[in-house]
Amino acid sequence: MIGDAQRMDAIYKRQRHFYDLTRKYYLLGRDRLIAGLDLAEGGTVIEIGCGTARNLIAIAKAWPAARLFGIDLSEAMLTTARANVARAGLSDRIMLAQGDATDFDACALFGHAGFGGDGFDRVVLSYTLSMIPDWRAAMLQAARLARMARGGRVEIVDFGQQERLPDVFRRGLFAWLDRFDVTPRGALPEVLREVGIQERLTASFIPLHRGYAWAGRLERS
């Protein structure tokens, strides 16, 4: 049976070369998330499922004093990410590693470089939960990383349920996403609350663009 890493590499072997050019038109809410990170100087950010590093590069530019980390399961995607980071002149600020979103040891992947091993100020999940089979475990992993940092937050944006858009649009979009193994998580608000209770984090949720996208947050008080 093909493993998850091999499956992701197969999906993105070719897509990674034009991924950012196409995704900017329908991965809505990413820039809103970045603008709202509210990072203090020297704050740390890890993106789980960083893909081509598009978001990390944008965060680096928006928050020039931030220290940035990213993991992805696909080594093919990370090859593109590393090239993009180097091209942007940000190799000294963005560290990348291969890891499973549901179970990874940040200290083992990054040492204590820049984040001290005590969690991250911001944990970003941008259009990744809809691609991770065990997405609840990925959210729990993210919550635990944020819980360890004072004022830590998990920031989520992903496909919503198109609840205020025409049914024909919803059916067409979901059928198209299914071709790429993408499944919008209708239970996201409920799981967000459950993980918040379990990890003693405050959960909040808001639909964007008439439900095209959903944004969620888990925050340590």
N, C-alpha and C. Protein backbone atom coordinates (compact mmCIF):
# COMPACT_ATOMS: atom_id res chain seq x y z
N MET A 1 0.85 -1.20 0.00
CA MET A 1 0.00 0.00 0.00
C MET A 1 0.89 1.25 0.00
N ILE A 2 0.55 2.20 -0.83
CA ILE A 2 1.33 3.42 -0.92
C ILE A 2 1.19 4.22 0.36
N GLY A 3 2.31 4.74 0.86
CA GLY A 3 2.29 5.52 2.09
C GLY A 3 1.82 6.95 1.83
N ASP A 4 1.52 7.67 2.92
CA ASP A 4 1.02 9.03 2.78
C ASP A 4 2.05 9.94 2.11
N ALA A 5 3.32 9.79 2.48
CA ALA A 5 4.35 10.64 1.89
C ALA A 5 4.48 10.40 0.39
N GLN A 6 4.45 9.12 0.01
CA GLN A 6 4.54 8.80 -1.41
C GLN A 6 3.32 9.30 -2.16
N ARG A 7 2.16 9.22 -1.51
CA ARG A 7 0.93 9.70 -2.15
C ARG A 7 1.01 11.21 -2.38
N MET A 8 1.49 11.95 -1.41
CA MET A 8 1.62 13.39 -1.56
C MET A 8 2.65 13.76 -2.60
N ASP A 9 3.75 13.02 -2.63
CA ASP A 9 4.76 13.28 -3.66
C ASP A 9 4.20 13.03 -5.05
N ALA A 10 3.38 11.99 -5.19
CA ALA A 10 2.78 11.69 -6.49
C ALA A 10 1.83 12.81 -6.93
N ILE A 11 1.07 13.32 -5.96
CA ILE A 11 0.13 14.40 -6.28
C ILE A 11 0.87 15.65 -6.71
N TYR A 12 1.97 15.97 -6.02
CA TYR A 12 2.62 17.27 -6.22
C TYR A 12 3.88 17.21 -7.08
N LYS A 13 4.20 16.04 -7.60
CA LYS A 13 5.41 15.93 -8.41
C LYS A 13 5.44 16.97 -9.52
N ARG A 14 4.31 17.15 -10.19
CA ARG A 14 4.22 18.15 -11.26
C ARG A 14 3.52 19.42 -10.80
N GLN A 15 2.50 19.28 -9.93
CA GLN A 15 1.74 20.45 -9.51
C GLN A 15 2.59 21.51 -8.81
N ARG A 16 3.64 21.07 -8.12
CA ARG A 16 4.43 22.01 -7.33
C ARG A 16 5.04 23.12 -8.19
N HIS A 17 5.22 22.85 -9.50
CA HIS A 17 5.85 23.83 -10.37
C HIS A 17 4.93 24.99 -10.72
N PHE A 18 3.61 24.76 -10.64
CA PHE A 18 2.67 25.85 -10.95
C PHE A 18 1.63 26.02 -9.83
N TYR A 19 1.89 25.41 -8.69
CA TYR A 19 0.94 25.41 -7.58
C TYR A 19 0.51 26.83 -7.18
N ASP A 20 1.47 27.71 -6.93
CA ASP A 20 1.14 29.04 -6.42
C ASP A 20 0.40 29.89 -7.45
N LEU A 21 0.70 29.68 -8.72
CA LEU A 21 0.04 30.47 -9.76
C LEU A 21 -1.45 30.17 -9.82
N THR A 22 -1.83 28.93 -9.58
CA THR A 22 -3.25 28.56 -9.66
C THR A 22 -3.96 28.74 -8.32
N ARG A 23 -3.31 28.40 -7.22
CA ARG A 23 -3.99 28.40 -5.93
C ARG A 23 -4.36 29.79 -5.43
N LYS A 24 -3.65 30.83 -5.89
CA LYS A 24 -3.95 32.16 -5.37
C LYS A 24 -5.37 32.60 -5.72
N TYR A 25 -5.98 31.97 -6.71
CA TYR A 25 -7.32 32.39 -7.13
C TYR A 25 -8.43 31.73 -6.30
N TYR A 26 -8.12 30.66 -5.58
CA TYR A 26 -9.20 30.02 -4.84
C TYR A 26 -8.84 29.58 -3.43
N LEU A 27 -7.61 29.77 -2.98
CA LEU A 27 -7.29 29.51 -1.58
C LEU A 27 -7.45 30.84 -0.83
N LEU A 28 -8.70 31.18 -0.59
CA LEU A 28 -9.03 32.49 -0.02
C LEU A 28 -8.84 32.50 1.49
N GLY A 29 -8.47 33.66 2.02
CA GLY A 29 -8.33 33.81 3.46
C GLY A 29 -6.91 33.70 3.97
N ARG A 30 -5.97 33.30 3.12
CA ARG A 30 -4.60 33.13 3.59
C ARG A 30 -3.96 34.46 4.00
N ASP A 31 -4.14 35.47 3.18
CA ASP A 31 -3.53 36.76 3.49
C ASP A 31 -4.19 37.42 4.70
N ARG A 32 -5.47 37.17 4.89
CA ARG A 32 -6.16 37.65 6.09
C ARG A 32 -5.53 37.02 7.33
N LEU A 33 -5.25 35.73 7.26
CA LEU A 33 -4.62 35.03 8.38
C LEU A 33 -3.26 35.65 8.68
N ILE A 34 -2.47 35.88 7.65
CA ILE A 34 -1.11 36.40 7.83
C ILE A 34 -1.15 37.80 8.44
N ALA A 35 -2.05 38.63 7.96
CA ALA A 35 -2.14 40.00 8.47
C ALA A 35 -2.56 40.03 9.94
N GLY A 36 -3.29 39.01 10.38
CA GLY A 36 -3.78 38.99 11.75
C GLY A 36 -2.94 38.21 12.73
N LEU A 37 -1.73 37.83 12.36
CA LEU A 37 -0.90 37.02 13.26
C LEU A 37 -0.49 37.77 14.52
N ASP A 38 -0.38 39.08 14.44
CA ASP A 38 -0.12 39.91 15.63
C ASP A 38 1.10 39.40 16.40
N LEU A 39 2.22 39.34 15.71
CA LEU A 39 3.43 38.78 16.29
C LEU A 39 4.26 39.84 16.99
N ALA A 40 4.72 39.51 18.18
CA ALA A 40 5.67 40.37 18.87
C ALA A 40 7.04 40.17 18.23
N GLU A 41 7.94 41.11 18.47
CA GLU A 41 9.28 41.00 17.90
C GLU A 41 9.95 39.71 18.39
N GLY A 42 10.49 38.98 17.44
CA GLY A 42 11.13 37.71 17.77
C GLY A 42 10.16 36.56 17.92
N GLY A 43 8.88 36.77 17.61
CA GLY A 43 7.89 35.71 17.71
C GLY A 43 8.17 34.56 16.76
N THR A 44 7.71 33.39 17.15
CA THR A 44 7.97 32.19 16.36
C THR A 44 6.68 31.69 15.70
N VAL A 45 6.83 31.22 14.47
CA VAL A 45 5.71 30.69 13.70
C VAL A 45 6.12 29.37 13.07
N ILE A 46 5.26 28.37 13.18
CA ILE A 46 5.45 27.15 12.43
C ILE A 46 4.22 26.91 11.58
N GLU A 47 4.45 26.62 10.29
CA GLU A 47 3.34 26.24 9.42
C GLU A 47 3.39 24.74 9.21
N ILE A 48 2.30 24.09 9.55
CA ILE A 48 2.18 22.65 9.37
C ILE A 48 1.55 22.40 7.99
N GLY A 49 2.29 21.74 7.12
CA GLY A 49 1.86 21.58 5.74
C GLY A 49 2.20 22.84 4.96
N CYS A 50 3.49 23.19 4.95
CA CYS A 50 3.91 24.48 4.40
C CYS A 50 3.95 24.52 2.88
N GLY A 51 3.86 23.37 2.23
CA GLY A 51 3.82 23.36 0.77
C GLY A 51 5.02 24.03 0.14
N THR A 52 4.77 24.99 -0.74
CA THR A 52 5.84 25.68 -1.47
C THR A 52 6.49 26.79 -0.66
N ALA A 53 6.09 26.98 0.57
CA ALA A 53 6.57 28.04 1.47
C ALA A 53 6.02 29.40 1.10
N ARG A 54 4.97 29.45 0.28
CA ARG A 54 4.37 30.72 -0.10
C ARG A 54 3.96 31.52 1.13
N ASN A 55 3.27 30.87 2.07
CA ASN A 55 2.82 31.59 3.26
C ASN A 55 3.98 32.01 4.14
N LEU A 56 4.95 31.15 4.32
CA LEU A 56 6.08 31.49 5.18
C LEU A 56 6.86 32.68 4.64
N ILE A 57 7.02 32.74 3.34
CA ILE A 57 7.71 33.88 2.73
C ILE A 57 6.89 35.16 2.93
N ALA A 58 5.58 35.06 2.77
CA ALA A 58 4.71 36.22 2.98
C ALA A 58 4.74 36.66 4.44
N ILE A 59 4.77 35.70 5.37
CA ILE A 59 4.86 36.03 6.79
C ILE A 59 6.18 36.72 7.10
N ALA A 60 7.26 36.21 6.51
CA ALA A 60 8.58 36.81 6.73
C ALA A 60 8.61 38.27 6.29
N LYS A 61 7.93 38.56 5.20
CA LYS A 61 7.91 39.94 4.70
C LYS A 61 6.99 40.83 5.54
N ALA A 62 5.87 40.26 5.98
CA ALA A 62 4.92 41.05 6.78
C ALA A 62 5.39 41.25 8.21
N TRP A 63 6.14 40.27 8.72
CA TRP A 63 6.61 40.31 10.11
C TRP A 63 8.13 40.07 10.10
N PRO A 64 8.90 41.11 9.79
CA PRO A 64 10.34 40.93 9.56
C PRO A 64 11.16 40.51 10.77
N ALA A 65 10.58 40.57 11.96
CA ALA A 65 11.32 40.14 13.15
C ALA A 65 10.94 38.73 13.59
N ALA A 66 10.07 38.07 12.83
CA ALA A 66 9.61 36.73 13.20
C ALA A 66 10.64 35.66 12.85
N ARG A 67 10.59 34.56 13.58
CA ARG A 67 11.41 33.39 13.30
C ARG A 67 10.48 32.28 12.81
N LEU A 68 10.78 31.72 11.65
CA LEU A 68 9.81 30.90 10.93
C LEU A 68 10.30 29.48 10.69
N PHE A 69 9.32 28.55 10.80
CA PHE A 69 9.60 27.13 10.62
C PHE A 69 8.47 26.52 9.80
N GLY A 70 8.78 25.48 9.05
CA GLY A 70 7.74 24.81 8.28
C GLY A 70 8.02 23.34 8.14
N ILE A 71 6.94 22.54 8.18
CA ILE A 71 7.08 21.12 7.89
C ILE A 71 6.10 20.74 6.79
N ASP A 72 6.45 19.72 6.06
CA ASP A 72 5.56 19.15 5.05
C ASP A 72 5.90 17.68 4.91
N LEU A 73 4.88 16.90 4.58
CA LEU A 73 5.10 15.46 4.41
C LEU A 73 5.75 15.15 3.07
N SER A 74 5.53 16.01 2.08
CA SER A 74 6.02 15.77 0.72
C SER A 74 7.42 16.33 0.53
N GLU A 75 8.37 15.45 0.28
CA GLU A 75 9.74 15.91 0.01
C GLU A 75 9.81 16.64 -1.32
N ALA A 76 8.95 16.25 -2.27
CA ALA A 76 8.91 16.96 -3.55
C ALA A 76 8.51 18.42 -3.33
N MET A 77 7.48 18.63 -2.50
CA MET A 77 7.04 19.99 -2.21
C MET A 77 8.13 20.76 -1.47
N LEU A 78 8.83 20.11 -0.56
CA LEU A 78 9.89 20.78 0.19
C LEU A 78 11.05 21.19 -0.72
N THR A 79 11.30 20.42 -1.77
CA THR A 79 12.34 20.80 -2.73
C THR A 79 12.02 22.15 -3.35
N THR A 80 10.76 22.32 -3.74
CA THR A 80 10.32 23.60 -4.28
C THR A 80 10.35 24.68 -3.21
N ALA A 81 9.92 24.34 -1.99
CA ALA A 81 9.90 25.31 -0.90
C ALA A 81 11.30 25.83 -0.61
N ARG A 82 12.26 24.94 -0.53
CA ARG A 82 13.64 25.37 -0.24
C ARG A 82 14.17 26.29 -1.33
N ALA A 83 13.86 25.97 -2.58
CA ALA A 83 14.30 26.82 -3.68
C ALA A 83 13.64 28.19 -3.60
N ASN A 84 12.35 28.23 -3.27
CA ASN A 84 11.64 29.50 -3.16
C ASN A 84 12.19 30.36 -2.02
N VAL A 85 12.46 29.71 -0.90
CA VAL A 85 13.01 30.43 0.26
C VAL A 85 14.38 31.00 -0.07
N ALA A 86 15.21 30.21 -0.72
CA ALA A 86 16.55 30.68 -1.10
C ALA A 86 16.45 31.84 -2.09
N ARG A 87 15.52 31.73 -3.05
CA ARG A 87 15.34 32.78 -4.05
C ARG A 87 14.89 34.09 -3.41
N ALA A 88 14.12 33.96 -2.35
CA ALA A 88 13.64 35.15 -1.63
C ALA A 88 14.68 35.71 -0.66
N GLY A 89 15.80 35.03 -0.54
CA GLY A 89 16.85 35.48 0.37
C GLY A 89 16.50 35.31 1.83
N LEU A 90 15.73 34.26 2.13
CA LEU A 90 15.23 34.08 3.49
C LEU A 90 15.69 32.78 4.14
N SER A 91 16.71 32.17 3.59
CA SER A 91 17.18 30.89 4.13
C SER A 91 17.67 31.00 5.56
N ASP A 92 18.06 32.21 5.98
CA ASP A 92 18.54 32.39 7.34
C ASP A 92 17.40 32.60 8.33
N ARG A 93 16.15 32.77 7.83
CA ARG A 93 15.01 33.04 8.72
C ARG A 93 13.96 31.94 8.68
N ILE A 94 13.98 31.12 7.65
CA ILE A 94 12.96 30.08 7.50
C ILE A 94 13.64 28.71 7.48
N MET A 95 13.29 27.88 8.47
CA MET A 95 13.81 26.52 8.54
C MET A 95 12.71 25.55 8.11
N LEU A 96 13.07 24.59 7.27
CA LEU A 96 12.12 23.63 6.74
C LEU A 96 12.56 22.21 7.05
N ALA A 97 11.58 21.33 7.27
CA ALA A 97 11.89 19.92 7.54
C ALA A 97 10.72 19.06 7.11
N GLN A 98 11.02 17.80 6.82
CA GLN A 98 9.97 16.85 6.48
C GLN A 98 9.39 16.28 7.77
N GLY A 99 8.07 16.27 7.85
CA GLY A 99 7.43 15.74 9.04
C GLY A 99 5.97 15.45 8.81
N ASP A 100 5.42 14.57 9.61
CA ASP A 100 4.02 14.18 9.57
C ASP A 100 3.22 15.13 10.46
N ALA A 101 2.22 15.79 9.89
CA ALA A 101 1.44 16.78 10.63
C ALA A 101 0.80 16.23 11.88
N THR A 102 0.52 14.94 11.90
CA THR A 102 -0.19 14.35 13.03
C THR A 102 0.71 13.96 14.18
N ASP A 103 2.02 13.89 13.94
CA ASP A 103 2.92 13.38 14.98
C ASP A 103 4.36 13.71 14.61
N PHE A 104 4.86 14.84 15.10
CA PHE A 104 6.26 15.17 14.86
C PHE A 104 6.84 15.84 16.09
N ASP A 105 8.14 15.71 16.23
CA ASP A 105 8.87 16.28 17.35
C ASP A 105 9.63 17.50 16.83
N ALA A 106 9.16 18.69 17.16
CA ALA A 106 9.77 19.90 16.63
C ALA A 106 11.23 20.03 17.06
N CYS A 107 11.54 19.62 18.29
CA CYS A 107 12.92 19.70 18.75
C CYS A 107 13.83 18.78 17.96
N ALA A 108 13.32 17.59 17.63
CA ALA A 108 14.11 16.65 16.85
C ALA A 108 14.34 17.17 15.43
N LEU A 109 13.34 17.85 14.88
CA LEU A 109 13.45 18.36 13.51
C LEU A 109 14.30 19.62 13.42
N PHE A 110 14.16 20.50 14.40
CA PHE A 110 14.80 21.81 14.31
C PHE A 110 15.83 22.08 15.40
N GLY A 111 16.05 21.11 16.28
CA GLY A 111 16.88 21.38 17.44
C GLY A 111 16.14 22.39 18.31
N HIS A 112 16.86 23.26 18.97
CA HIS A 112 16.23 24.33 19.73
C HIS A 112 16.44 25.66 19.02
N ALA A 113 16.75 25.56 17.71
CA ALA A 113 17.10 26.76 16.94
C ALA A 113 15.95 27.75 16.89
N GLY A 114 16.12 28.83 17.60
CA GLY A 114 15.21 29.95 17.44
C GLY A 114 13.90 29.88 18.19
N PHE A 115 13.48 28.67 18.66
CA PHE A 115 12.20 28.63 19.36
C PHE A 115 12.31 28.04 20.76
N GLY A 116 13.49 27.57 21.11
CA GLY A 116 13.75 27.19 22.49
C GLY A 116 13.12 25.90 22.96
N GLY A 117 12.38 25.22 22.08
CA GLY A 117 11.80 23.94 22.45
C GLY A 117 10.56 24.03 23.31
N ASP A 118 10.01 25.25 23.48
CA ASP A 118 8.85 25.40 24.36
C ASP A 118 7.60 25.83 23.58
N GLY A 119 7.44 25.28 22.40
CA GLY A 119 6.28 25.59 21.60
C GLY A 119 6.49 26.81 20.72
N PHE A 120 5.44 27.19 20.01
CA PHE A 120 5.51 28.30 19.06
C PHE A 120 4.43 29.33 19.39
N ASP A 121 4.73 30.57 19.09
CA ASP A 121 3.75 31.63 19.33
C ASP A 121 2.54 31.48 18.39
N ARG A 122 2.78 31.07 17.16
CA ARG A 122 1.71 30.88 16.20
C ARG A 122 1.94 29.57 15.45
N VAL A 123 0.88 28.79 15.35
CA VAL A 123 0.90 27.55 14.56
C VAL A 123 -0.13 27.72 13.45
N VAL A 124 0.30 27.61 12.22
CA VAL A 124 -0.55 27.89 11.07
C VAL A 124 -0.90 26.60 10.34
N LEU A 125 -2.20 26.45 10.07
CA LEU A 125 -2.72 25.36 9.24
C LEU A 125 -3.54 25.99 8.12
N SER A 126 -2.96 26.12 6.97
CA SER A 126 -3.60 26.81 5.85
C SER A 126 -3.92 25.82 4.73
N TYR A 127 -5.19 25.51 4.59
CA TYR A 127 -5.66 24.58 3.55
C TYR A 127 -4.91 23.25 3.60
N THR A 128 -4.69 22.78 4.82
CA THR A 128 -4.04 21.48 5.00
C THR A 128 -4.95 20.45 5.65
N LEU A 129 -5.82 20.87 6.56
CA LEU A 129 -6.69 19.90 7.23
C LEU A 129 -7.56 19.15 6.24
N SER A 130 -7.93 19.80 5.16
CA SER A 130 -8.77 19.15 4.14
C SER A 130 -8.00 18.11 3.33
N MET A 131 -6.70 18.03 3.53
CA MET A 131 -5.88 17.06 2.81
C MET A 131 -5.29 15.98 3.71
N ILE A 132 -5.43 16.14 5.02
CA ILE A 132 -4.83 15.20 5.96
C ILE A 132 -5.88 14.19 6.40
N PRO A 133 -5.68 12.89 6.13
CA PRO A 133 -6.69 11.90 6.53
C PRO A 133 -7.07 11.98 8.00
N ASP A 134 -6.09 11.99 8.88
CA ASP A 134 -6.37 12.09 10.32
C ASP A 134 -6.24 13.56 10.74
N TRP A 135 -7.14 14.38 10.25
CA TRP A 135 -7.03 15.83 10.46
C TRP A 135 -7.27 16.23 11.91
N ARG A 136 -8.04 15.44 12.63
CA ARG A 136 -8.24 15.74 14.05
C ARG A 136 -6.93 15.62 14.83
N ALA A 137 -6.13 14.61 14.49
CA ALA A 137 -4.83 14.43 15.15
C ALA A 137 -3.90 15.58 14.80
N ALA A 138 -3.98 16.08 13.57
CA ALA A 138 -3.15 17.21 13.17
C ALA A 138 -3.53 18.46 13.95
N MET A 139 -4.82 18.67 14.17
CA MET A 139 -5.26 19.83 14.93
C MET A 139 -4.82 19.71 16.39
N LEU A 140 -4.89 18.51 16.93
CA LEU A 140 -4.46 18.30 18.31
C LEU A 140 -2.97 18.54 18.46
N GLN A 141 -2.20 18.07 17.49
CA GLN A 141 -0.75 18.32 17.51
C GLN A 141 -0.46 19.81 17.48
N ALA A 142 -1.17 20.54 16.64
CA ALA A 142 -0.99 21.99 16.54
C ALA A 142 -1.34 22.67 17.86
N ALA A 143 -2.44 22.23 18.47
CA ALA A 143 -2.88 22.83 19.73
C ALA A 143 -1.84 22.62 20.82
N ARG A 144 -1.24 21.48 20.87
CA ARG A 144 -0.24 21.21 21.90
C ARG A 144 1.00 22.07 21.71
N LEU A 145 1.37 22.34 20.47
CA LEU A 145 2.52 23.20 20.22
C LEU A 145 2.24 24.64 20.64
N ALA A 146 1.01 25.10 20.40
CA ALA A 146 0.64 26.48 20.76
C ALA A 146 0.42 26.61 22.26
N ARG A 147 -0.09 25.56 22.88
CA ARG A 147 -0.41 25.61 24.31
C ARG A 147 0.82 25.87 25.16
N MET A 148 1.97 25.42 24.68
CA MET A 148 3.20 25.54 25.48
C MET A 148 3.74 26.96 25.51
N ALA A 149 3.32 27.80 24.55
CA ALA A 149 3.85 29.17 24.47
C ALA A 149 2.88 30.14 25.13
N ARG A 150 3.39 31.09 25.85
CA ARG A 150 2.56 32.12 26.47
C ARG A 150 1.83 32.90 25.37
N GLY A 151 0.51 32.92 25.43
CA GLY A 151 -0.25 33.60 24.39
C GLY A 151 -0.24 32.89 23.05
N GLY A 152 0.11 31.61 23.05
CA GLY A 152 0.20 30.86 21.80
C GLY A 152 -1.15 30.71 21.11
N ARG A 153 -1.12 30.66 19.78
CA ARG A 153 -2.35 30.54 19.01
C ARG A 153 -2.17 29.58 17.84
N VAL A 154 -3.22 28.86 17.53
CA VAL A 154 -3.33 28.10 16.29
C VAL A 154 -4.24 28.89 15.37
N GLU A 155 -3.78 29.13 14.15
CA GLU A 155 -4.56 29.86 13.16
C GLU A 155 -4.86 28.92 12.00
N ILE A 156 -6.16 28.78 11.68
CA ILE A 156 -6.60 27.83 10.66
C ILE A 156 -7.41 28.55 9.59
N VAL A 157 -7.15 28.22 8.35
CA VAL A 157 -8.05 28.61 7.26
C VAL A 157 -8.12 27.43 6.30
N ASP A 158 -9.34 27.15 5.83
CA ASP A 158 -9.52 26.00 4.94
C ASP A 158 -10.85 26.17 4.21
N PHE A 159 -11.14 25.23 3.34
CA PHE A 159 -12.42 25.26 2.63
C PHE A 159 -13.56 25.11 3.62
N GLY A 160 -14.61 25.92 3.43
CA GLY A 160 -15.82 25.79 4.22
C GLY A 160 -16.81 24.87 3.54
N GLN A 161 -18.06 25.02 3.90
CA GLN A 161 -19.12 24.17 3.35
C GLN A 161 -19.97 24.92 2.32
N GLN A 162 -19.50 26.10 1.90
CA GLN A 162 -20.19 26.89 0.87
C GLN A 162 -21.65 27.13 1.25
N GLU A 163 -21.90 27.32 2.54
CA GLU A 163 -23.26 27.31 3.06
C GLU A 163 -24.13 28.47 2.57
N ARG A 164 -23.52 29.55 2.13
CA ARG A 164 -24.31 30.67 1.63
C ARG A 164 -24.08 30.91 0.14
N LEU A 165 -23.63 29.86 -0.53
CA LEU A 165 -23.43 29.89 -1.97
C LEU A 165 -24.38 28.90 -2.65
N PRO A 166 -24.64 29.07 -3.94
CA PRO A 166 -25.58 28.16 -4.62
C PRO A 166 -25.16 26.70 -4.53
N ASP A 167 -26.14 25.80 -4.42
CA ASP A 167 -25.86 24.36 -4.32
C ASP A 167 -25.06 23.85 -5.50
N VAL A 168 -25.34 24.38 -6.68
CA VAL A 168 -24.62 23.90 -7.87
C VAL A 168 -23.14 24.25 -7.77
N PHE A 169 -22.82 25.39 -7.17
CA PHE A 169 -21.42 25.76 -6.97
C PHE A 169 -20.77 24.80 -5.99
N ARG A 170 -21.46 24.52 -4.90
CA ARG A 170 -20.93 23.62 -3.88
C ARG A 170 -20.66 22.24 -4.46
N ARG A 171 -21.63 21.70 -5.18
CA ARG A 171 -21.45 20.36 -5.75
C ARG A 171 -20.28 20.33 -6.73
N GLY A 172 -20.20 21.35 -7.56
CA GLY A 172 -19.11 21.40 -8.54
C GLY A 172 -17.75 21.52 -7.88
N LEU A 173 -17.65 22.38 -6.87
CA LEU A 173 -16.38 22.57 -6.19
C LEU A 173 -15.96 21.30 -5.46
N PHE A 174 -16.89 20.68 -4.73
CA PHE A 174 -16.55 19.48 -3.98
C PHE A 174 -16.13 18.34 -4.91
N ALA A 175 -16.79 18.21 -6.05
CA ALA A 175 -16.43 17.17 -7.01
C ALA A 175 -15.03 17.41 -7.56
N TRP A 176 -14.72 18.67 -7.84
CA TRP A 176 -13.40 19.01 -8.36
C TRP A 176 -12.32 18.78 -7.31
N LEU A 177 -12.58 19.19 -6.06
CA LEU A 177 -11.60 19.00 -4.99
C LEU A 177 -11.34 17.52 -4.74
N ASP A 178 -12.38 16.71 -4.88
CA ASP A 178 -12.23 15.28 -4.64
C ASP A 178 -11.22 14.64 -5.59
N ARG A 179 -11.07 15.21 -6.76
CA ARG A 179 -10.09 14.70 -7.72
C ARG A 179 -8.67 14.83 -7.20
N PHE A 180 -8.47 15.74 -6.26
CA PHE A 180 -7.13 15.99 -5.71
C PHE A 180 -7.03 15.52 -4.26
N ASP A 181 -7.95 14.63 -3.85
CA ASP A 181 -7.95 14.10 -2.49
C ASP A 181 -8.13 15.19 -1.44
N VAL A 182 -8.92 16.20 -1.76
CA VAL A 182 -9.21 17.29 -0.84
C VAL A 182 -10.65 17.15 -0.36
N THR A 183 -10.85 17.12 0.95
CA THR A 183 -12.17 16.95 1.54
C THR A 183 -12.44 18.05 2.56
N PRO A 184 -13.25 19.05 2.21
CA PRO A 184 -13.60 20.08 3.20
C PRO A 184 -14.20 19.46 4.46
N ARG A 185 -13.78 19.93 5.61
CA ARG A 185 -14.14 19.30 6.88
C ARG A 185 -15.36 19.99 7.49
N GLY A 186 -16.51 19.40 7.27
CA GLY A 186 -17.74 19.97 7.79
C GLY A 186 -17.82 19.99 9.30
N ALA A 187 -17.06 19.11 9.95
CA ALA A 187 -17.06 19.04 11.42
C ALA A 187 -16.03 19.96 12.05
N LEU A 188 -15.39 20.82 11.26
CA LEU A 188 -14.33 21.67 11.79
C LEU A 188 -14.75 22.48 13.02
N PRO A 189 -15.89 23.18 13.00
CA PRO A 189 -16.25 23.97 14.19
C PRO A 189 -16.38 23.13 15.46
N GLU A 190 -17.00 21.94 15.34
CA GLU A 190 -17.18 21.08 16.50
C GLU A 190 -15.85 20.54 17.01
N VAL A 191 -14.99 20.10 16.09
CA VAL A 191 -13.69 19.56 16.50
C VAL A 191 -12.82 20.66 17.09
N LEU A 192 -12.93 21.86 16.55
CA LEU A 192 -12.20 23.00 17.09
C LEU A 192 -12.56 23.21 18.56
N ARG A 193 -13.85 23.16 18.86
CA ARG A 193 -14.28 23.33 20.25
C ARG A 193 -13.81 22.18 21.13
N GLU A 194 -13.89 20.95 20.62
CA GLU A 194 -13.48 19.79 21.39
C GLU A 194 -11.99 19.84 21.73
N VAL A 195 -11.18 20.18 20.74
CA VAL A 195 -9.74 20.27 20.98
C VAL A 195 -9.44 21.41 21.94
N GLY A 196 -10.17 22.51 21.81
CA GLY A 196 -9.98 23.62 22.73
C GLY A 196 -10.24 23.22 24.17
N ILE A 197 -11.32 22.49 24.39
CA ILE A 197 -11.64 22.02 25.74
C ILE A 197 -10.57 21.07 26.25
N GLN A 198 -10.16 20.14 25.40
CA GLN A 198 -9.17 19.15 25.80
C GLN A 198 -7.84 19.78 26.17
N GLU A 199 -7.43 20.79 25.38
CA GLU A 199 -6.11 21.40 25.58
C GLU A 199 -6.17 22.72 26.35
N ARG A 200 -7.37 23.06 26.85
CA ARG A 200 -7.55 24.28 27.64
C ARG A 200 -7.18 25.53 26.84
N LEU A 201 -7.67 25.57 25.63
CA LEU A 201 -7.49 26.71 24.74
C LEU A 201 -8.87 27.26 24.38
N THR A 202 -8.93 28.54 24.12
CA THR A 202 -10.19 29.17 23.72
C THR A 202 -10.36 29.04 22.21
N ALA A 203 -11.48 28.49 21.79
CA ALA A 203 -11.75 28.27 20.37
C ALA A 203 -12.66 29.36 19.82
N SER A 204 -12.38 29.78 18.60
CA SER A 204 -13.27 30.71 17.89
C SER A 204 -13.30 30.32 16.42
N PHE A 205 -14.38 30.73 15.75
CA PHE A 205 -14.62 30.28 14.37
C PHE A 205 -15.40 31.35 13.63
N ILE A 206 -15.06 31.56 12.34
CA ILE A 206 -15.79 32.50 11.52
C ILE A 206 -15.80 32.04 10.07
N PRO A 207 -16.96 32.06 9.41
CA PRO A 207 -17.01 31.75 7.97
C PRO A 207 -16.57 32.97 7.17
N LEU A 208 -15.92 32.74 6.05
CA LEU A 208 -15.46 33.80 5.17
C LEU A 208 -16.06 33.64 3.78
N HIS A 209 -16.30 34.74 3.12
CA HIS A 209 -16.75 34.71 1.73
C HIS A 209 -17.97 33.81 1.55
N ARG A 210 -18.97 34.07 2.38
CA ARG A 210 -20.25 33.34 2.32
C ARG A 210 -20.07 31.84 2.55
N GLY A 211 -19.07 31.50 3.34
CA GLY A 211 -18.83 30.10 3.66
C GLY A 211 -17.90 29.39 2.71
N TYR A 212 -17.38 30.11 1.72
CA TYR A 212 -16.41 29.48 0.81
C TYR A 212 -15.22 28.97 1.62
N ALA A 213 -14.76 29.80 2.55
CA ALA A 213 -13.66 29.41 3.43
C ALA A 213 -14.12 29.54 4.88
N TRP A 214 -13.47 28.78 5.75
CA TRP A 214 -13.70 28.87 7.19
C TRP A 214 -12.38 29.20 7.86
N ALA A 215 -12.47 30.06 8.87
CA ALA A 215 -11.28 30.40 9.65
C ALA A 215 -11.52 30.01 11.11
N GLY A 216 -10.53 29.41 11.72
CA GLY A 216 -10.64 29.00 13.11
C GLY A 216 -9.41 29.42 13.90
N ARG A 217 -9.59 29.51 15.19
CA ARG A 217 -8.47 29.89 16.07
C ARG A 217 -8.57 29.13 17.38
N LEU A 218 -7.43 28.70 17.90
CA LEU A 218 -7.30 28.17 19.24
C LEU A 218 -6.27 29.03 19.93
N GLU A 219 -6.61 29.56 21.11
CA GLU A 219 -5.76 30.55 21.74
C GLU A 219 -5.57 30.26 23.22
N ARG A 220 -4.33 30.39 23.65
CA ARG A 220 -4.03 30.26 25.07
C ARG A 220 -4.27 31.60 25.75
N SER A 221 -5.09 31.61 26.77
CA SER A 221 -5.42 32.85 27.48
C SER A 221 -4.21 33.37 28.26
